Amino acid sequence: MKIGNGHQPSITTEESAAGKTTTEFEPLLDCRQAARRVHCHEKTLQRYARQRRLPAYRIHGRWYFRVSELDSWVRSHVNFDGHPCCVN
């Protein structure tokens, strides 16, 4: 069962074999890891995060990103009509 909405940390609750409930947080990527994943420069990601153009979290002055949110963001920006890959 997933608990969370908006920009709150994603929490997954699962029942273990012993019947106890465990809670897992989706790991966050730092700016360098996220930039490698989406194939762009770190400064570009930081600028987009400041402008709220992509989902990001600022913790102690550093930007962090969730893999699932980055993947969704990339998919939504590659599939829109104005993207160079879609223009014929």
PDB file of N, CA and C in Angstrom:
ATOM      1  N   MET A   1       0.852  -1.164   0.000  1.00  0.00           N
ATOM      2  CA  MET A   1       0.000   0.000   0.000  1.00  0.00           C
ATOM      3  C   MET A   1       0.896   1.224   0.000  1.00  0.00           C
ATOM      4  N   LYS A   2       0.624   2.183  -0.885  1.00  0.00           N
ATOM      5  CA  LYS A   2       1.397   3.419  -0.939  1.00  0.00           C
ATOM      6  C   LYS A   2       0.680   4.502  -0.164  1.00  0.00           C
ATOM      7  N   ILE A   3       1.445   5.239   0.605  1.00  0.00           N
ATOM      8  CA  ILE A   3       0.924   6.368   1.354  1.00  0.00           C
ATOM      9  C   ILE A   3       1.688   7.586   0.886  1.00  0.00           C
ATOM     10  N   GLY A   4       1.014   8.654   0.564  1.00  0.00           N
ATOM     11  CA  GLY A   4       1.717   9.867   0.146  1.00  0.00           C
ATOM     12  C   GLY A   4       0.972  10.578  -0.953  1.00  0.00           C
ATOM     13  N   ASN A   5       1.232  11.877  -1.071  1.00  0.00           N
ATOM     14  CA  ASN A   5       0.622  12.660  -2.132  1.00  0.00           C
ATOM     15  C   ASN A   5       1.494  13.858  -2.409  1.00  0.00           C
ATOM     16  N   GLY A   6       1.327  14.452  -3.568  1.00  0.00           N
ATOM     17  CA  GLY A   6       2.064  15.660  -3.903  1.00  0.00           C
ATOM     18  C   GLY A   6       3.552  15.460  -3.762  1.00  0.00           C
ATOM     19  N   HIS A   7       4.179  16.304  -2.988  1.00  0.00           N
ATOM     20  CA  HIS A   7       5.624  16.248  -2.820  1.00  0.00           C
ATOM     21  C   HIS A   7       6.029  15.697  -1.461  1.00  0.00           C
ATOM     22  N   GLN A   8       5.164  14.883  -0.849  1.00  0.00           N
ATOM     23  CA  GLN A   8       5.510  14.233   0.405  1.00  0.00           C
ATOM     24  C   GLN A   8       6.312  12.978   0.085  1.00  0.00           C
ATOM     25  N   PRO A   9       7.217  12.570   0.975  1.00  0.00           N
ATOM     26  CA  PRO A   9       7.987  11.353   0.715  1.00  0.00           C
ATOM     27  C   PRO A   9       7.072  10.163   0.488  1.00  0.00           C
ATOM     28  N   SER A  10       7.409   9.354  -0.495  1.00  0.00           N
ATOM     29  CA  SER A  10       6.625   8.176  -0.815  1.00  0.00           C
ATOM     30  C   SER A  10       6.953   7.075   0.192  1.00  0.00           C
ATOM     31  N   ILE A  11       5.932   6.520   0.789  1.00  0.00           N
ATOM     32  CA  ILE A  11       6.120   5.473   1.790  1.00  0.00           C
ATOM     33  C   ILE A  11       5.410   4.219   1.294  1.00  0.00           C
ATOM     34  N   THR A  12       6.104   3.110   1.289  1.00  0.00           N
ATOM     35  CA  THR A  12       5.502   1.842   0.920  1.00  0.00           C
ATOM     36  C   THR A  12       5.436   0.973   2.161  1.00  0.00           C
ATOM     37  N   THR A  13       4.259   0.458   2.457  1.00  0.00           N
ATOM     38  CA  THR A  13       4.069  -0.411   3.614  1.00  0.00           C
ATOM     39  C   THR A  13       3.818  -1.818   3.111  1.00  0.00           C
ATOM     40  N   GLU A  14       4.577  -2.772   3.624  1.00  0.00           N
ATOM     41  CA  GLU A  14       4.446  -4.164   3.211  1.00  0.00           C
ATOM     42  C   GLU A  14       4.387  -5.063   4.432  1.00  0.00           C
ATOM     43  N   GLU A  15       3.689  -6.169   4.283  1.00  0.00           N
ATOM     44  CA  GLU A  15       3.636  -7.177   5.340  1.00  0.00           C
ATOM     45  C   GLU A  15       4.782  -8.157   5.112  1.00  0.00           C
ATOM     46  N   SER A  16       5.578  -8.395   6.136  1.00  0.00           N
ATOM     47  CA  SER A  16       6.677  -9.354   6.023  1.00  0.00           C
ATOM     48  C   SER A  16       6.147 -10.762   6.272  1.00  0.00           C
ATOM     49  N   ALA A  17       7.005 -11.760   6.084  1.00  0.00           N
ATOM     50  CA  ALA A  17       6.605 -13.158   6.269  1.00  0.00           C
ATOM     51  C   ALA A  17       6.179 -13.420   7.709  1.00  0.00           C
ATOM     52  N   ALA A  18       6.749 -12.674   8.661  1.00  0.00           N
ATOM     53  CA  ALA A  18       6.420 -12.873  10.069  1.00  0.00           C
ATOM     54  C   ALA A  18       5.139 -12.139  10.453  1.00  0.00           C
ATOM     55  N   GLY A  19       4.519 -11.444   9.501  1.00  0.00           N
ATOM     56  CA  GLY A  19       3.283 -10.735   9.788  1.00  0.00           C
ATOM     57  C   GLY A  19       3.502  -9.320  10.287  1.00  0.00           C
ATOM     58  N   LYS A  20       4.764  -8.882  10.414  1.00  0.00           N
ATOM     59  CA  LYS A  20       5.049  -7.527  10.853  1.00  0.00           C
ATOM     60  C   LYS A  20       5.020  -6.580   9.655  1.00  0.00           C
ATOM     61  N   THR A  21       4.655  -5.339   9.888  1.00  0.00           N
ATOM     62  CA  THR A  21       4.604  -4.347   8.834  1.00  0.00           C
ATOM     63  C   THR A  21       5.939  -3.614   8.759  1.00  0.00           C
ATOM     64  N   THR A  22       6.494  -3.522   7.546  1.00  0.00           N
ATOM     65  CA  THR A  22       7.735  -2.785   7.333  1.00  0.00           C
ATOM     66  C   THR A  22       7.435  -1.565   6.469  1.00  0.00           C
ATOM     67  N   THR A  23       8.204  -0.518   6.656  1.00  0.00           N
ATOM     68  CA  THR A  23       8.010   0.702   5.893  1.00  0.00           C
ATOM     69  C   THR A  23       9.285   1.012   5.130  1.00  0.00           C
ATOM     70  N   GLU A  24       9.138   1.287   3.818  1.00  0.00           N
ATOM     71  CA  GLU A  24      10.276   1.629   2.973  1.00  0.00           C
ATOM     72  C   GLU A  24      10.046   2.995   2.347  1.00  0.00           C
ATOM     73  N   PHE A  25      11.093   3.821   2.317  1.00  0.00           N
ATOM     74  CA  PHE A  25      11.045   5.091   1.620  1.00  0.00           C
ATOM     75  C   PHE A  25      11.718   4.912   0.271  1.00  0.00           C
ATOM     76  N   GLU A  26      11.160   5.557  -0.749  1.00  0.00           N
ATOM     77  CA  GLU A  26      11.822   5.534  -2.048  1.00  0.00           C
ATOM     78  C   GLU A  26      13.110   6.341  -1.936  1.00  0.00           C
ATOM     79  N   PRO A  27      14.237   5.781  -2.314  1.00  0.00           N
ATOM     80  CA  PRO A  27      15.498   6.509  -2.174  1.00  0.00           C
ATOM     81  C   PRO A  27      15.510   7.763  -3.048  1.00  0.00           C
ATOM     82  N   LEU A  28      16.203   8.782  -2.562  1.00  0.00           N
ATOM     83  CA  LEU A  28      16.342  10.022  -3.311  1.00  0.00           C
ATOM     84  C   LEU A  28      17.687  10.031  -4.027  1.00  0.00           C
ATOM     85  N   LEU A  29      17.698  10.611  -5.221  1.00  0.00           N
ATOM     86  CA  LEU A  29      18.942  10.783  -5.970  1.00  0.00           C
ATOM     87  C   LEU A  29      19.455  12.187  -5.727  1.00  0.00           C
ATOM     88  N   ASP A  30      20.776  12.330  -5.620  1.00  0.00           N
ATOM     89  CA  ASP A  30      21.321  13.682  -5.549  1.00  0.00           C
ATOM     90  C   ASP A  30      21.350  14.252  -6.964  1.00  0.00           C
ATOM     91  N   CYS A  31      21.772  15.482  -7.089  1.00  0.00           N
ATOM     92  CA  CYS A  31      21.716  16.176  -8.366  1.00  0.00           C
ATOM     93  C   CYS A  31      22.578  15.488  -9.437  1.00  0.00           C
ATOM     94  N   ARG A  32      23.737  15.027  -9.054  1.00  0.00           N
ATOM     95  CA  ARG A  32      24.627  14.365 -10.013  1.00  0.00           C
ATOM     96  C   ARG A  32      24.007  13.071 -10.532  1.00  0.00           C
ATOM     97  N   GLN A  33      23.453  12.257  -9.634  1.00  0.00           N
ATOM     98  CA  GLN A  33      22.820  11.002 -10.039  1.00  0.00           C
ATOM     99  C   GLN A  33      21.610  11.253 -10.930  1.00  0.00           C
ATOM    100  N   ALA A  34      20.814  12.247 -10.564  1.00  0.00           N
ATOM    101  CA  ALA A  34      19.622  12.577 -11.351  1.00  0.00           C
ATOM    102  C   ALA A  34      20.008  13.081 -12.737  1.00  0.00           C
ATOM    103  N   ALA A  35      21.036  13.908 -12.821  1.00  0.00           N
ATOM    104  CA  ALA A  35      21.489  14.439 -14.111  1.00  0.00           C
ATOM    105  C   ALA A  35      21.947  13.306 -15.028  1.00  0.00           C
ATOM    106  N   ARG A  36      22.655  12.334 -14.476  1.00  0.00           N
ATOM    107  CA  ARG A  36      23.071  11.179 -15.272  1.00  0.00           C
ATOM    108  C   ARG A  36      21.866  10.400 -15.772  1.00  0.00           C
ATOM    109  N   ARG A  37      20.862  10.280 -14.925  1.00  0.00           N
ATOM    110  CA  ARG A  37      19.671   9.490 -15.281  1.00  0.00           C
ATOM    111  C   ARG A  37      18.871  10.128 -16.413  1.00  0.00           C
ATOM    112  N   VAL A  38      18.754  11.464 -16.405  1.00  0.00           N
ATOM    113  CA  VAL A  38      17.945  12.142 -17.430  1.00  0.00           C
ATOM    114  C   VAL A  38      18.799  12.744 -18.544  1.00  0.00           C
ATOM    115  N   HIS A  39      20.099  12.504 -18.510  1.00  0.00           N
ATOM    116  CA  HIS A  39      21.027  12.938 -19.563  1.00  0.00           C
ATOM    117  C   HIS A  39      21.009  14.448 -19.782  1.00  0.00           C
ATOM    118  N   CYS A  40      21.180  15.182 -18.706  1.00  0.00           N
ATOM    119  CA  CYS A  40      21.339  16.631 -18.826  1.00  0.00           C
ATOM    120  C   CYS A  40      22.331  17.106 -17.763  1.00  0.00           C
ATOM    121  N   HIS A  41      22.684  18.374 -17.816  1.00  0.00           N
ATOM    122  CA  HIS A  41      23.676  18.933 -16.905  1.00  0.00           C
ATOM    123  C   HIS A  41      23.063  19.154 -15.518  1.00  0.00           C
ATOM    124  N   GLU A  42      23.880  19.011 -14.490  1.00  0.00           N
ATOM    125  CA  GLU A  42      23.418  19.221 -13.106  1.00  0.00           C
ATOM    126  C   GLU A  42      22.810  20.613 -12.919  1.00  0.00           C
ATOM    127  N   LYS A  43      23.459  21.623 -13.486  1.00  0.00           N
ATOM    128  CA  LYS A  43      22.980  23.002 -13.325  1.00  0.00           C
ATOM    129  C   LYS A  43      21.612  23.186 -13.966  1.00  0.00           C
ATOM    130  N   THR A  44      21.350  22.475 -15.050  1.00  0.00           N
ATOM    131  CA  THR A  44      20.036  22.540 -15.697  1.00  0.00           C
ATOM    132  C   THR A  44      18.975  21.985 -14.759  1.00  0.00           C
ATOM    133  N   LEU A  45      19.258  20.850 -14.140  1.00  0.00           N
ATOM    134  CA  LEU A  45      18.304  20.269 -13.186  1.00  0.00           C
ATOM    135  C   LEU A  45      18.077  21.194 -12.002  1.00  0.00           C
ATOM    136  N   GLN A  46      19.142  21.804 -11.496  1.00  0.00           N
ATOM    137  CA  GLN A  46      19.003  22.729 -10.369  1.00  0.00           C
ATOM    138  C   GLN A  46      18.139  23.928 -10.756  1.00  0.00           C
ATOM    139  N   ARG A  47      18.352  24.454 -11.951  1.00  0.00           N
ATOM    140  CA  ARG A  47      17.551  25.590 -12.419  1.00  0.00           C
ATOM    141  C   ARG A  47      16.084  25.187 -12.546  1.00  0.00           C
ATOM    142  N   TYR A  48      15.810  24.024 -13.155  1.00  0.00           N
ATOM    143  CA  TYR A  48      14.431  23.546 -13.288  1.00  0.00           C
ATOM    144  C   TYR A  48      13.795  23.330 -11.915  1.00  0.00           C
ATOM    145  N   ALA A  49      14.559  22.841 -10.963  1.00  0.00           N
ATOM    146  CA  ALA A  49      14.040  22.629  -9.605  1.00  0.00           C
ATOM    147  C   ALA A  49      13.693  23.974  -8.960  1.00  0.00           C
ATOM    148  N   ARG A  50      14.587  24.964  -9.090  1.00  0.00           N
ATOM    149  CA  ARG A  50      14.316  26.301  -8.530  1.00  0.00           C
ATOM    150  C   ARG A  50      13.070  26.916  -9.151  1.00  0.00           C
ATOM    151  N   GLN A  51      12.889  26.694 -10.448  1.00  0.00           N
ATOM    152  CA  GLN A  51      11.739  27.246 -11.169  1.00  0.00           C
ATOM    153  C   GLN A  51      10.486  26.382 -11.006  1.00  0.00           C
ATOM    154  N   ARG A  52      10.610  25.301 -10.259  1.00  0.00           N
ATOM    155  CA  ARG A  52       9.516  24.346 -10.024  1.00  0.00           C
ATOM    156  C   ARG A  52       8.998  23.736 -11.326  1.00  0.00           C
ATOM    157  N   ARG A  53       9.906  23.524 -12.262  1.00  0.00           N
ATOM    158  CA  ARG A  53       9.550  22.906 -13.539  1.00  0.00           C
ATOM    159  C   ARG A  53       9.605  21.389 -13.458  1.00  0.00           C
ATOM    160  N   LEU A  54      10.230  20.851 -12.410  1.00  0.00           N
ATOM    161  CA  LEU A  54      10.256  19.417 -12.189  1.00  0.00           C
ATOM    162  C   LEU A  54      10.205  19.165 -10.691  1.00  0.00           C
ATOM    163  N   PRO A  55       9.691  18.001 -10.268  1.00  0.00           N
ATOM    164  CA  PRO A  55       9.583  17.702  -8.844  1.00  0.00           C
ATOM    165  C   PRO A  55      10.957  17.489  -8.212  1.00  0.00           C
ATOM    166  N   ALA A  56      11.210  18.224  -7.139  1.00  0.00           N
ATOM    167  CA  ALA A  56      12.501  18.130  -6.453  1.00  0.00           C
ATOM    168  C   ALA A  56      12.332  18.527  -4.997  1.00  0.00           C
ATOM    169  N   TYR A  57      13.307  18.179  -4.190  1.00  0.00           N
ATOM    170  CA  TYR A  57      13.286  18.456  -2.765  1.00  0.00           C
ATOM    171  C   TYR A  57      14.594  19.121  -2.379  1.00  0.00           C
ATOM    172  N   ARG A  58      14.506  20.211  -1.664  1.00  0.00           N
ATOM    173  CA  ARG A  58      15.714  20.902  -1.203  1.00  0.00           C
ATOM    174  C   ARG A  58      15.912  20.551   0.268  1.00  0.00           C
ATOM    175  N   ILE A  59      17.008  19.869   0.559  1.00  0.00           N
ATOM    176  CA  ILE A  59      17.307  19.421   1.920  1.00  0.00           C
ATOM    177  C   ILE A  59      18.698  19.919   2.272  1.00  0.00           C
ATOM    178  N   HIS A  60      18.776  20.753   3.296  1.00  0.00           N
ATOM    179  CA  HIS A  60      20.042  21.331   3.750  1.00  0.00           C
ATOM    180  C   HIS A  60      20.816  21.984   2.597  1.00  0.00           C
ATOM    181  N   GLY A  61      20.080  22.699   1.740  1.00  0.00           N
ATOM    182  CA  GLY A  61      20.710  23.447   0.658  1.00  0.00           C
ATOM    183  C   GLY A  61      21.064  22.643  -0.583  1.00  0.00           C
ATOM    184  N   ARG A  62      20.723  21.377  -0.620  1.00  0.00           N
ATOM    185  CA  ARG A  62      21.021  20.537  -1.785  1.00  0.00           C
ATOM    186  C   ARG A  62      19.719  20.017  -2.383  1.00  0.00           C
ATOM    187  N   TRP A  63      19.724  19.797  -3.693  1.00  0.00           N
ATOM    188  CA  TRP A  63      18.551  19.283  -4.395  1.00  0.00           C
ATOM    189  C   TRP A  63      18.595  17.770  -4.465  1.00  0.00           C
ATOM    190  N   TYR A  64      17.429  17.152  -4.240  1.00  0.00           N
ATOM    191  CA  TYR A  64      17.270  15.702  -4.340  1.00  0.00           C
ATOM    192  C   TYR A  64      16.033  15.389  -5.157  1.00  0.00           C
ATOM    193  N   PHE A  65      16.038  14.227  -5.807  1.00  0.00           N
ATOM    194  CA  PHE A  65      14.977  13.853  -6.733  1.00  0.00           C
ATOM    195  C   PHE A  65      14.594  12.399  -6.516  1.00  0.00           C
ATOM    196  N   ARG A  66      13.306  12.083  -6.715  1.00  0.00           N
ATOM    197  CA  ARG A  66      12.838  10.699  -6.678  1.00  0.00           C
ATOM    198  C   ARG A  66      12.914  10.124  -8.080  1.00  0.00           C
ATOM    199  N   VAL A  67      13.348   8.887  -8.195  1.00  0.00           N
ATOM    200  CA  VAL A  67      13.463   8.223  -9.491  1.00  0.00           C
ATOM    201  C   VAL A  67      12.108   8.179 -10.186  1.00  0.00           C
ATOM    202  N   SER A  68      11.070   7.789  -9.478  1.00  0.00           N
ATOM    203  CA  SER A  68       9.744   7.653 -10.090  1.00  0.00           C
ATOM    204  C   SER A  68       9.239   8.986 -10.626  1.00  0.00           C
ATOM    205  N   GLU A  69       9.475  10.075  -9.897  1.00  0.00           N
ATOM    206  CA  GLU A  69       9.022  11.388 -10.351  1.00  0.00           C
ATOM    207  C   GLU A  69       9.843  11.881 -11.541  1.00  0.00           C
ATOM    208  N   LEU A  70      11.147  11.613 -11.525  1.00  0.00           N
ATOM    209  CA  LEU A  70      11.984  11.987 -12.675  1.00  0.00           C
ATOM    210  C   LEU A  70      11.550  11.236 -13.925  1.00  0.00           C
ATOM    211  N   ASP A  71      11.315   9.941 -13.786  1.00  0.00           N
ATOM    212  CA  ASP A  71      10.890   9.143 -14.935  1.00  0.00           C
ATOM    213  C   ASP A  71       9.572   9.660 -15.509  1.00  0.00           C
ATOM    214  N   SER A  72       8.624   9.974 -14.646  1.00  0.00           N
ATOM    215  CA  SER A  72       7.339  10.519 -15.097  1.00  0.00           C
ATOM    216  C   SER A  72       7.530  11.858 -15.787  1.00  0.00           C
ATOM    217  N   TRP A  73       8.380  12.699 -15.220  1.00  0.00           N
ATOM    218  CA  TRP A  73       8.644  14.019 -15.787  1.00  0.00           C
ATOM    219  C   TRP A  73       9.262  13.892 -17.178  1.00  0.00           C
ATOM    220  N   VAL A  74      10.230  13.006 -17.320  1.00  0.00           N
ATOM    221  CA  VAL A  74      10.877  12.803 -18.621  1.00  0.00           C
ATOM    222  C   VAL A  74       9.866  12.294 -19.641  1.00  0.00           C
ATOM    223  N   ARG A  75       9.069  11.287 -19.255  1.00  0.00           N
ATOM    224  CA  ARG A  75       8.063  10.742 -20.175  1.00  0.00           C
ATOM    225  C   ARG A  75       7.089  11.828 -20.621  1.00  0.00           C
ATOM    226  N   SER A  76       6.651  12.668 -19.715  1.00  0.00           N
ATOM    227  CA  SER A  76       5.674  13.704 -20.068  1.00  0.00           C
ATOM    228  C   SER A  76       6.279  14.763 -20.980  1.00  0.00           C
ATOM    229  N   HIS A  77       7.579  15.003 -20.877  1.00  0.00           N
ATOM    230  CA  HIS A  77       8.210  16.020 -21.721  1.00  0.00           C
ATOM    231  C   HIS A  77       8.673  15.466 -23.061  1.00  0.00           C
ATOM    232  N   VAL A  78       8.907  14.176 -23.165  1.00  0.00           N
ATOM    233  CA  VAL A  78       9.293  13.590 -24.443  1.00  0.00           C
ATOM    234  C   VAL A  78       8.058  13.361 -25.309  1.00  0.00           C
ATOM    235  N   ASN A  79       6.918  13.114 -24.696  1.00  0.00           N
ATOM    236  CA  ASN A  79       5.715  12.774 -25.452  1.00  0.00           C
ATOM    237  C   ASN A  79       4.840  13.962 -25.823  1.00  0.00           C
ATOM    238  N   PHE A  80       5.256  15.184 -25.527  1.00  0.00           N
ATOM    239  CA  PHE A  80       4.402  16.294 -25.919  1.00  0.00           C
ATOM    240  C   PHE A  80       4.746  16.721 -27.342  1.00  0.00           C
ATOM    241  N   ASP A  81       3.784  17.348 -28.050  1.00  0.00           N
ATOM    242  CA  ASP A  81       3.883  17.613 -29.484  1.00  0.00           C
ATOM    243  C   ASP A  81       5.038  18.522 -29.883  1.00  0.00           C
ATOM    244  N   GLY A  82       5.476  19.423 -29.027  1.00  0.00           N
ATOM    245  CA  GLY A  82       6.518  20.371 -29.394  1.00  0.00           C
ATOM    246  C   GLY A  82       7.928  19.843 -29.237  1.00  0.00           C
ATOM    247  N   HIS A  83       8.072  18.651 -28.716  1.00  0.00           N
ATOM    248  CA  HIS A  83       9.418  18.112 -28.518  1.00  0.00           C
ATOM    249  C   HIS A  83      10.064  17.792 -29.865  1.00  0.00           C
ATOM    250  N   PRO A  84      11.362  18.114 -30.039  1.00  0.00           N
ATOM    251  CA  PRO A  84      12.038  17.897 -31.318  1.00  0.00           C
ATOM    252  C   PRO A  84      11.957  16.454 -31.827  1.00  0.00           C
ATOM    253  N   CYS A  85      11.886  15.483 -30.918  1.00  0.00           N
ATOM    254  CA  CYS A  85      11.807  14.088 -31.357  1.00  0.00           C
ATOM    255  C   CYS A  85      10.456  13.772 -32.000  1.00  0.00           C
ATOM    256  N   CYS A  86       9.445  14.587 -31.710  1.00  0.00           N
ATOM    257  CA  CYS A  86       8.099  14.320 -32.209  1.00  0.00           C
ATOM    258  C   CYS A  86       7.768  15.137 -33.448  1.00  0.00           C
ATOM    259  N   VAL A  87       8.605  16.115 -33.781  1.00  0.00           N
ATOM    260  CA  VAL A  87       8.314  16.992 -34.918  1.00  0.00           C
ATOM    261  C   VAL A  87       8.809  16.320 -36.191  1.00  0.00           C
ATOM    262  N   ASN A  88       7.966  16.237 -37.200  1.00  0.00           N
ATOM    263  CA  ASN A  88       8.348  15.625 -38.491  1.00  0.00           C
ATOM    264  C   ASN A  88       8.478  16.662 -39.557  1.00  0.00           C
TER     265      ASN A  88
END
